[in-house]
Amino acid sequence: MSFSYPEHPFIIAEMSGNHNQDIERALSLIEAAKEAGADAVKLQTYTADTITLDHDGPEFLVDLPLWKGRKLYDLYEEAHTPWDWHPALFEKARELDIVLFSSPFDETAVDMLESLGAPIYKIASFELVDLPLIRYVAQTGKPVIMSTGMATLEEIKEAVNAALTAGCTDLTLLHCISEYPAPVEQCNLMTMVGLGKIFPDVKIGLSDHTMGTDVSELAVSLGACVIEKHFTLRRADGGVDSAFSLEPQELKELCERTKNCRDFEGTDFYHKACGTVNFTKEDQAAGRKYRPSIYVSSPIKAGEIFTRENIRTVRPANGLAPKYWDEIIGKEANQDLSFGTPLSKEHVKYE
């Protein structure tokens, strides 16, 4: 299935876990997004077992305000979109003529989405450092959207290079503040503008976690081609992301205002209002520890070879960064390692 972006800003309604584990609600969310005028609905394709380990260690407890004290595994068990729903959700989107796509969090999710004809892929902010996953997604030849929340400029460059060298020819970078909700005063849209200047061959946009639609509308006036906002039927219904999600009327207003906007170049007023370019993201440091890294997924004896069966790239970020995966796989462990150990180079026998 081929895909091309519309001439107006591409508005994505992010379902995330707002289906509240009810497939009928998920189908209703797709219908409501279409009625509101969104161009696409985005899912997240993972299970608790593919994104983290069922471990009780302190690093597996969430310290972010919205989900503080929850075990990562339990949070993802609640938030995930069941894989057996995916065919029905894709069929509903086809019936309504709205784009449906997803953020995969491991290679098995990409394979399943490919079987369903997913037209686009999204790399989530936390997975921007998972270069093997980015390369695997890019090899599909589909357009790729990547969020840059928490990332340094060097990490963004590594991710862009991984995508382009693996075959991606249609790449979009989304500026993102990975806080939930994100304070408006931290939105710093000049960083989005800066992405466009540093990477002139990619499109730019915004994954917006602020309350309301003002920041998204301003981003469009500054050149955003893609806007992503979390979406729910009613915030009062609850759900893991409902607190910072748009309701249908708000999404409709966003679609109407941005699709009528033609001032894509911005103005001096907007530039002054947005502050300065900042790729350090110190204000998002709390979220960085929930990025993926390499962990021991089953006990390993000294001298045993590191394989896909005994190490995995999962959240949180205490282990080696995923970019070291190819360097580690196939080498020997130099000591016994227990389940849930964050892997370090000290655990690896080098020649």
Protein backbone atom coordinates (compact mmCIF):
# COMPACT_ATOMS: atom_id res chain seq x y z
CA MET A 1 0.00 0.00 0.00
CA SER A 2 1.61 3.24 -1.14
CA PHE A 3 1.18 6.45 0.81
CA SER A 4 1.73 10.12 0.14
CA TYR A 5 1.13 13.03 2.49
CA PRO A 6 -1.67 15.51 1.80
CA GLU A 7 -0.88 19.13 0.94
CA HIS A 8 -2.28 20.34 4.26
CA PRO A 9 -0.68 19.50 7.64
CA PHE A 10 -1.06 15.79 8.37
CA ILE A 11 -3.04 15.46 11.61
CA ILE A 12 -2.52 12.26 13.60
CA ALA A 13 -4.87 11.22 16.40
CA GLU A 14 -2.79 9.06 18.77
CA MET A 15 -5.00 6.38 20.34
CA SER A 16 -2.28 4.98 22.63
CA GLY A 17 -3.95 3.22 25.59
CA ASN A 18 -7.11 5.33 25.50
CA HIS A 19 -9.10 2.32 24.26
CA ASN A 20 -9.11 1.21 27.94
CA GLN A 21 -8.84 -2.44 26.84
CA ASP A 22 -12.21 -2.31 25.04
CA ILE A 23 -12.12 -3.05 21.30
CA GLU A 24 -15.49 -1.37 20.75
CA ARG A 25 -14.07 1.80 22.26
CA ALA A 26 -11.02 1.47 19.99
CA LEU A 27 -13.28 1.22 16.95
CA SER A 28 -15.29 4.22 18.18
CA LEU A 29 -12.06 6.21 18.53
CA ILE A 30 -11.26 5.58 14.87
CA GLU A 31 -14.77 6.67 13.87
CA ALA A 32 -14.57 9.81 16.03
CA ALA A 33 -11.15 10.74 14.62
CA LYS A 34 -12.47 10.43 11.08
CA GLU A 35 -15.54 12.52 11.90
CA ALA A 36 -13.32 15.19 13.50
CA GLY A 37 -11.29 15.49 10.31
CA ALA A 38 -8.04 13.78 11.34
CA ASP A 39 -5.93 12.30 8.56
CA ALA A 40 -4.72 9.32 10.56
CA VAL A 41 -5.05 7.32 13.75
CA LYS A 42 -1.93 5.89 15.34
CA LEU A 43 -1.63 2.81 17.50
CA GLN A 44 1.23 1.48 19.60
CA THR A 45 2.14 -2.12 18.87
CA TYR A 46 3.77 -3.95 21.75
CA THR A 47 2.95 -6.23 24.63
CA ALA A 48 4.25 -5.98 28.17
CA ASP A 49 6.56 -8.91 27.32
CA THR A 50 7.99 -7.30 24.16
CA ILE A 51 8.68 -3.88 25.67
CA THR A 52 10.03 -4.71 29.14
CA LEU A 53 10.76 -7.54 31.60
CA ASP A 54 8.42 -8.78 34.32
CA HIS A 55 10.89 -7.81 37.02
CA ASP A 56 10.45 -6.31 40.50
CA GLY A 57 13.72 -4.38 40.64
CA PRO A 58 13.51 -0.69 41.59
CA GLU A 59 14.57 0.43 38.11
CA PHE A 60 11.41 -1.26 36.78
CA LEU A 61 9.17 1.06 38.85
CA VAL A 62 7.93 4.27 37.20
CA ASP A 63 8.92 7.57 38.76
CA LEU A 64 7.09 9.87 36.29
CA PRO A 65 4.27 11.91 37.90
CA LEU A 66 1.33 10.53 35.90
CA TRP A 67 2.22 6.88 36.60
CA LYS A 68 4.42 7.18 39.72
CA GLY A 69 5.03 3.97 41.64
CA ARG A 70 3.61 1.65 38.99
CA LYS A 71 5.56 -1.34 37.76
CA LEU A 72 6.57 -0.94 34.11
CA TYR A 73 5.25 -4.38 33.21
CA ASP A 74 1.83 -3.69 34.77
CA LEU A 75 1.56 -0.26 33.14
CA TYR A 76 2.29 -1.68 29.69
CA GLU A 77 -0.07 -4.60 30.29
CA GLU A 78 -2.85 -2.04 30.85
CA ALA A 79 -1.86 0.31 28.04
CA HIS A 80 -1.03 -2.07 25.18
CA THR A 81 -3.32 -2.61 22.21
CA PRO A 82 -3.97 -6.38 21.96
CA TRP A 83 -2.38 -7.76 18.81
CA ASP A 84 -5.47 -9.77 17.89
CA TRP A 85 -7.39 -6.46 17.61
CA HIS A 86 -5.13 -5.13 14.88
CA PRO A 87 -6.84 -6.78 11.86
CA ALA A 88 -10.25 -5.43 12.88
CA LEU A 89 -8.83 -1.95 13.52
CA PHE A 90 -7.09 -1.85 10.13
CA GLU A 91 -10.29 -3.06 8.45
CA LYS A 92 -12.34 -0.34 10.17
CA ALA A 93 -9.86 2.31 8.99
CA ARG A 94 -10.09 1.05 5.42
CA GLU A 95 -13.89 1.19 5.58
CA LEU A 96 -13.76 4.80 6.79
CA ASP A 97 -10.93 5.84 4.44
CA ILE A 98 -8.65 7.05 7.22
CA VAL A 99 -4.98 6.14 7.55
CA LEU A 100 -4.14 3.74 10.38
CA PHE A 101 -0.55 3.06 11.36
CA SER A 102 1.50 2.31 14.44
CA SER A 103 4.65 2.65 16.51
CA PRO A 104 6.29 -0.78 16.69
CA PHE A 105 8.58 -1.46 19.63
CA ASP A 106 10.38 -4.55 18.38
CA GLU A 107 10.93 -6.50 15.16
CA THR A 108 8.00 -8.89 15.74
CA ALA A 109 5.66 -5.89 15.84
CA VAL A 110 7.06 -4.65 12.50
CA ASP A 111 6.50 -8.07 10.96
CA MET A 112 2.89 -8.17 12.12
CA LEU A 113 2.21 -4.61 10.91
CA GLU A 114 3.74 -5.44 7.53
CA SER A 115 1.33 -8.37 7.21
CA LEU A 116 -1.54 -5.91 7.68
CA GLY A 117 -0.25 -3.44 5.10
CA ALA A 118 0.71 -0.62 7.46
CA PRO A 119 1.42 2.40 5.21
CA ILE A 120 3.71 4.36 7.58
CA TYR A 121 5.80 3.68 10.68
CA LYS A 122 6.45 5.82 13.75
CA ILE A 123 9.48 5.56 15.99
CA ALA A 124 8.57 6.72 19.50
CA SER A 125 10.77 9.20 21.37
CA PHE A 126 12.03 6.59 23.82
CA GLU A 127 13.01 4.26 20.96
CA LEU A 128 14.96 6.90 19.00
CA VAL A 129 18.14 5.36 20.46
CA ASP A 130 17.15 1.85 19.28
CA LEU A 131 19.13 1.98 16.04
CA PRO A 132 18.59 -1.71 15.16
CA LEU A 133 14.81 -1.16 15.35
CA ILE A 134 15.07 1.99 13.21
CA ARG A 135 17.05 0.10 10.57
CA TYR A 136 14.54 -2.76 10.57
CA VAL A 137 11.64 -0.33 10.08
CA ALA A 138 13.48 1.61 7.35
CA GLN A 139 14.06 -1.60 5.38
CA THR A 140 10.30 -1.82 4.74
CA GLY A 141 10.62 1.13 2.36
CA LYS A 142 7.64 2.86 3.99
CA PRO A 143 7.65 6.50 5.18
CA VAL A 144 9.03 6.83 8.70
CA ILE A 145 8.14 9.42 11.36
CA MET A 146 10.47 9.76 14.34
CA SER A 147 9.85 11.68 17.56
CA THR A 148 12.90 13.35 19.09
CA GLY A 149 11.82 13.87 22.71
CA MET A 150 14.72 13.65 25.20
CA ALA A 151 17.26 13.23 22.37
CA THR A 152 20.48 15.16 21.99
CA LEU A 153 21.44 16.45 18.57
CA GLU A 154 24.04 13.67 18.27
CA GLU A 155 21.39 11.02 19.02
CA ILE A 156 19.07 12.55 16.41
CA LYS A 157 21.88 12.49 13.84
CA GLU A 158 22.56 8.81 14.60
CA ALA A 159 18.87 7.96 14.21
CA VAL A 160 18.52 9.89 10.94
CA ASN A 161 21.63 8.22 9.56
CA ALA A 162 20.37 4.78 10.59
CA ALA A 163 17.05 5.37 8.81
CA LEU A 164 18.49 6.84 5.62
CA THR A 165 21.29 4.29 5.20
CA ALA A 166 18.84 1.42 5.74
CA GLY A 167 16.61 2.56 2.89
CA CYS A 168 14.18 5.19 4.19
CA THR A 169 13.46 7.78 1.50
CA ASP A 170 10.63 9.64 3.26
CA LEU A 171 11.55 10.74 6.78
CA THR A 172 9.81 13.14 9.16
CA LEU A 173 11.24 14.37 12.46
CA LEU A 174 8.82 15.46 15.17
CA HIS A 175 9.93 17.86 17.88
CA CYS A 176 8.57 16.52 21.15
CA ILE A 177 8.64 17.31 24.85
CA SER A 178 8.43 13.94 26.60
CA GLU A 179 6.48 15.08 29.62
CA TYR A 180 2.86 14.13 30.26
CA PRO A 181 1.33 16.67 30.07
CA ALA A 182 4.09 18.93 28.75
CA PRO A 183 4.22 22.50 30.16
CA VAL A 184 3.57 25.08 27.45
CA GLU A 185 6.55 27.15 28.61
CA GLN A 186 8.85 24.25 27.70
CA CYS A 187 7.52 23.68 24.17
CA ASN A 188 10.37 25.66 22.52
CA LEU A 189 9.18 25.37 18.93
CA MET A 190 12.38 26.94 17.67
CA THR A 191 13.94 23.51 18.20
CA MET A 192 11.46 22.18 15.61
CA VAL A 193 12.50 24.98 13.25
CA GLY A 194 16.12 24.10 13.95
CA LEU A 195 15.51 20.47 12.95
CA GLY A 196 14.39 21.68 9.54
CA LYS A 197 17.56 23.71 9.10
CA ILE A 198 19.93 20.96 10.30
CA PHE A 199 18.17 18.23 8.30
CA PRO A 200 16.95 20.02 5.15
CA ASP A 201 16.00 16.79 3.36
CA VAL A 202 13.42 15.68 5.94
CA LYS A 203 10.00 17.00 6.89
CA ILE A 204 9.40 18.46 10.35
CA GLY A 205 6.46 18.41 12.71
CA LEU A 206 5.35 18.24 16.33
CA SER A 207 4.28 15.50 18.69
CA ASP A 208 2.37 17.68 21.12
CA HIS A 209 1.76 16.61 24.73
CA THR A 210 0.58 20.02 25.94
CA MET A 211 -3.01 20.62 26.94
CA GLY A 212 -5.21 22.17 24.26
CA THR A 213 -4.35 23.00 20.66
CA ASP A 214 -2.54 26.35 20.77
CA VAL A 215 0.97 24.94 20.56
CA SER A 216 0.06 22.69 17.62
CA GLU A 217 -1.50 25.58 15.73
CA LEU A 218 1.58 27.71 16.31
CA ALA A 219 3.79 24.84 15.12
CA VAL A 220 1.91 24.72 11.82
CA SER A 221 2.51 28.44 11.32
CA LEU A 222 6.23 27.70 11.79
CA GLY A 223 6.32 25.00 9.14
CA ALA A 224 5.12 21.79 10.78
CA CYS A 225 3.95 19.30 8.15
CA VAL A 226 2.81 16.72 10.71
CA ILE A 227 0.98 17.18 14.03
CA GLU A 228 0.40 14.34 16.47
CA LYS A 229 -1.97 14.68 19.44
CA HIS A 230 -3.24 12.05 21.87
CA PHE A 231 -6.97 11.53 21.48
CA THR A 232 -9.78 10.13 23.63
CA LEU A 233 -13.57 10.08 23.57
CA ARG A 234 -13.90 11.68 27.01
CA ARG A 235 -11.10 12.55 29.42
CA ALA A 236 -13.50 11.77 32.27
CA ASP A 237 -13.51 8.11 31.19
CA GLY A 238 -9.94 7.77 32.42
CA GLY A 239 -7.15 5.75 30.87
CA VAL A 240 -3.36 5.83 30.94
CA ASP A 241 -3.08 8.87 28.63
CA SER A 242 -6.49 10.50 28.98
CA ALA A 243 -5.30 13.40 31.15
CA PHE A 244 -3.45 15.09 28.27
CA SER A 245 -5.59 13.89 25.35
CA LEU A 246 -7.94 15.86 23.11
CA GLU A 247 -11.65 15.16 23.03
CA PRO A 248 -13.45 14.95 19.63
CA GLN A 249 -14.59 18.60 19.49
CA GLU A 250 -11.07 19.78 20.33
CA LEU A 251 -9.58 17.55 17.65
CA LYS A 252 -12.13 18.88 15.15
CA GLU A 253 -11.14 22.47 15.97
CA LEU A 254 -7.46 21.61 15.57
CA CYS A 255 -8.08 20.02 12.17
CA GLU A 256 -10.17 22.94 10.94
CA ARG A 257 -7.72 25.61 12.09
CA THR A 258 -4.53 23.94 10.88
CA LYS A 259 -5.91 22.83 7.53
CA ASN A 260 -6.97 26.40 6.82
CA CYS A 261 -3.60 27.78 7.84
CA ARG A 262 -1.41 28.91 4.95
CA ASP A 263 1.28 30.83 6.87
CA PHE A 264 3.80 28.00 6.92
CA GLU A 265 6.84 30.27 7.11
CA GLY A 266 6.18 31.83 10.49
CA THR A 267 6.78 35.43 11.52
CA ASP A 268 9.25 37.36 13.62
CA PHE A 269 6.63 37.47 16.34
CA TYR A 270 6.39 33.68 16.43
CA HIS A 271 10.15 33.24 16.35
CA LYS A 272 10.56 35.56 19.33
CA ALA A 273 7.72 33.85 21.18
CA CYS A 274 9.23 30.39 20.82
CA GLY A 275 12.65 31.03 22.35
CA THR A 276 15.92 29.49 21.21
CA VAL A 277 17.01 26.21 19.69
CA ASN A 278 17.74 23.64 22.41
CA PHE A 279 18.73 20.05 21.78
CA THR A 280 19.99 19.27 25.26
CA LYS A 281 16.57 18.50 26.75
CA GLU A 282 17.71 18.70 30.38
CA ASP A 283 14.09 19.31 31.39
CA GLN A 284 13.21 15.85 30.08
CA ALA A 285 16.01 13.99 31.87
CA ALA A 286 13.55 12.09 34.08
CA GLY A 287 12.12 10.32 31.05
CA ARG A 288 15.48 9.23 29.64
CA LYS A 289 15.79 6.40 32.16
CA TYR A 290 12.77 4.70 30.58
CA ARG A 291 14.40 4.40 27.16
CA PRO A 292 15.26 0.88 25.96
CA SER A 293 18.60 -0.74 26.65
CA ILE A 294 20.12 -4.22 26.57
CA TYR A 295 19.11 -6.53 29.43
CA VAL A 296 19.66 -10.18 30.30
CA SER A 297 16.33 -11.86 29.55
CA SER A 298 17.25 -15.35 30.82
CA PRO A 299 20.09 -16.54 33.11
CA ILE A 300 23.51 -16.74 31.43
CA LYS A 301 26.52 -18.79 32.55
CA ALA A 302 30.11 -17.60 32.18
CA GLY A 303 31.35 -18.59 28.72
CA GLU A 304 27.84 -18.72 27.25
CA ILE A 305 27.24 -16.85 23.99
CA PHE A 306 25.01 -13.77 23.94
CA THR A 307 22.03 -14.53 21.66
CA ARG A 308 18.57 -13.19 20.90
CA GLU A 309 17.28 -15.80 23.36
CA ASN A 310 19.18 -14.56 26.41
CA ILE A 311 19.49 -10.80 25.89
CA ARG A 312 16.89 -8.31 24.70
CA THR A 313 16.42 -4.62 24.06
CA VAL A 314 13.78 -3.54 26.57
CA ARG A 315 12.88 -0.62 28.79
CA PRO A 316 14.38 0.83 31.09
CA ALA A 317 17.74 2.37 30.19
CA ASN A 318 20.18 1.01 32.79
CA GLY A 319 21.97 -1.27 30.33
CA LEU A 320 24.02 -0.71 27.20
CA ALA A 321 22.38 1.42 24.53
CA PRO A 322 20.74 -0.60 21.72
CA LYS A 323 23.31 0.71 19.22
CA TYR A 324 25.80 -1.76 20.78
CA TRP A 325 23.59 -4.78 19.95
CA ASP A 326 25.56 -5.91 16.90
CA GLU A 327 28.81 -5.51 18.84
CA ILE A 328 27.59 -7.73 21.71
CA ILE A 329 25.62 -10.46 19.96
CA GLY A 330 27.71 -13.59 19.39
CA LYS A 331 30.29 -12.76 22.05
CA GLU A 332 30.83 -14.67 25.31
CA ALA A 333 29.78 -13.68 28.80
CA ASN A 334 32.75 -13.45 31.12
CA GLN A 335 30.67 -14.12 34.26
CA ASP A 336 27.36 -15.55 35.40
CA LEU A 337 24.48 -13.12 34.79
CA SER A 338 21.02 -13.33 36.34
CA PHE A 339 17.67 -12.52 34.75
CA GLY A 340 17.06 -8.77 34.68
CA THR A 341 20.72 -7.73 34.78
CA PRO A 342 21.37 -4.54 32.77
CA LEU A 343 24.16 -5.51 30.39
CA SER A 344 27.45 -3.60 30.43
CA LYS A 345 30.68 -4.01 28.47
CA GLU A 346 32.25 -5.38 31.66
CA HIS A 347 30.07 -8.47 31.21
CA VAL A 348 31.42 -9.19 27.73
CA LYS A 349 34.55 -11.17 26.84
CA TYR A 350 36.44 -9.35 24.11
CA GLU A 351 39.33 -10.84 22.15
